[in-house]
Amino acid sequence: NTLKISESTLYRWRTNNLISYQYTDKGNVLFSYSQLYRAIYNGIVTVRQIEKKDLLAAMTAFKDEVIRKSIAGKL
């Protein structure tokens, strides 16, 4: 889990319809990066003991790493 968010927190977000999501063919849950970022930024979703600025920084670092790997052909 990239953001160190517990499964129960993610489940709560889904069951309370706090952020949209979709299931993959294998049954995994996917959240849209931009929607998740916006939900954290606007305080729609929170994570106990992790400050908003730290969550947003972790999301940005994750996105940057995906882009770096994509450019390097390592995805």
Protein backbone atom coordinates (compact mmCIF):
# COMPACT_ATOMS: atom_id res chain seq x y z
CA ASN A 1 0.00 0.00 0.00
CA THR A 2 1.77 3.11 -1.27
CA LEU A 3 0.20 5.55 1.15
CA LYS A 4 0.26 3.28 4.19
CA ILE A 5 -3.54 3.48 4.42
CA SER A 6 -5.18 0.51 6.09
CA GLU A 7 -7.58 -1.77 4.24
CA SER A 8 -10.30 -0.83 6.73
CA THR A 9 -9.88 2.87 5.92
CA LEU A 10 -10.11 2.20 2.19
CA TYR A 11 -13.16 0.01 2.80
CA ARG A 12 -14.80 2.78 4.85
CA TRP A 13 -14.17 5.31 2.06
CA ARG A 14 -15.85 2.96 -0.43
CA THR A 15 -18.83 2.04 1.72
CA ASN A 16 -19.46 5.69 2.63
CA ASN A 17 -19.11 6.71 -1.05
CA LEU A 18 -16.45 9.27 -0.16
CA ILE A 19 -14.51 8.66 -3.37
CA SER A 20 -15.33 6.80 -6.55
CA TYR A 21 -13.54 3.58 -7.36
CA GLN A 22 -13.67 0.67 -9.75
CA TYR A 23 -12.86 -3.01 -9.65
CA THR A 24 -10.32 -4.63 -11.94
CA ASP A 25 -10.98 -7.93 -13.71
CA LYS A 26 -9.13 -9.64 -10.87
CA GLY A 27 -11.28 -8.00 -8.19
CA ASN A 28 -8.77 -5.40 -7.02
CA VAL A 29 -10.02 -1.92 -6.18
CA LEU A 30 -8.66 1.09 -8.05
CA PHE A 31 -9.02 4.71 -7.02
CA SER A 32 -8.40 7.50 -9.53
CA TYR A 33 -5.21 9.39 -8.66
CA SER A 34 -6.74 12.79 -9.33
CA GLN A 35 -9.95 12.04 -7.43
CA LEU A 36 -8.03 10.65 -4.45
CA TYR A 37 -5.68 13.64 -4.43
CA ARG A 38 -8.62 16.04 -4.59
CA ALA A 39 -10.47 14.17 -1.80
CA ILE A 40 -7.43 14.35 0.48
CA TYR A 41 -6.71 17.98 -0.44
CA ASN A 42 -10.30 19.04 0.25
CA GLY A 43 -10.52 17.06 3.49
CA ILE A 44 -13.23 14.70 2.17
CA VAL A 45 -11.10 11.75 3.28
CA THR A 46 -8.62 11.69 6.15
CA VAL A 47 -6.20 9.21 7.64
CA ARG A 48 -5.60 9.19 11.36
CA GLN A 49 -2.07 10.03 12.43
CA ILE A 50 -1.01 11.08 8.92
CA GLU A 51 -1.10 14.78 8.13
CA LYS A 52 -2.70 15.92 4.91
CA LYS A 53 0.55 17.45 3.64
CA ASP A 54 2.37 14.13 4.16
CA LEU A 55 -0.31 12.17 2.28
CA LEU A 56 -0.23 14.62 -0.61
CA ALA A 57 3.58 14.49 -0.70
CA ALA A 58 3.49 10.67 -0.77
CA MET A 59 1.00 10.74 -3.64
CA THR A 60 3.15 13.17 -5.60
CA ALA A 61 6.26 11.04 -5.01
CA PHE A 62 4.37 7.93 -6.17
CA LYS A 63 3.19 9.67 -9.34
CA ASP A 64 6.70 10.96 -10.06
CA GLU A 65 8.15 7.46 -9.63
CA VAL A 66 5.58 5.98 -12.02
CA ILE A 67 6.50 8.64 -14.59
CA ARG A 68 10.25 8.04 -14.12
CA LYS A 69 9.81 4.27 -14.58
CA SER A 70 7.60 4.82 -17.59
CA ILE A 71 10.19 7.05 -19.26
CA ALA A 72 12.94 4.56 -18.45
CA GLY A 73 10.84 1.73 -19.88
CA LYS A 74 10.70 -0.16 -16.59
CA LEU A 75 6.94 -0.54 -16.24
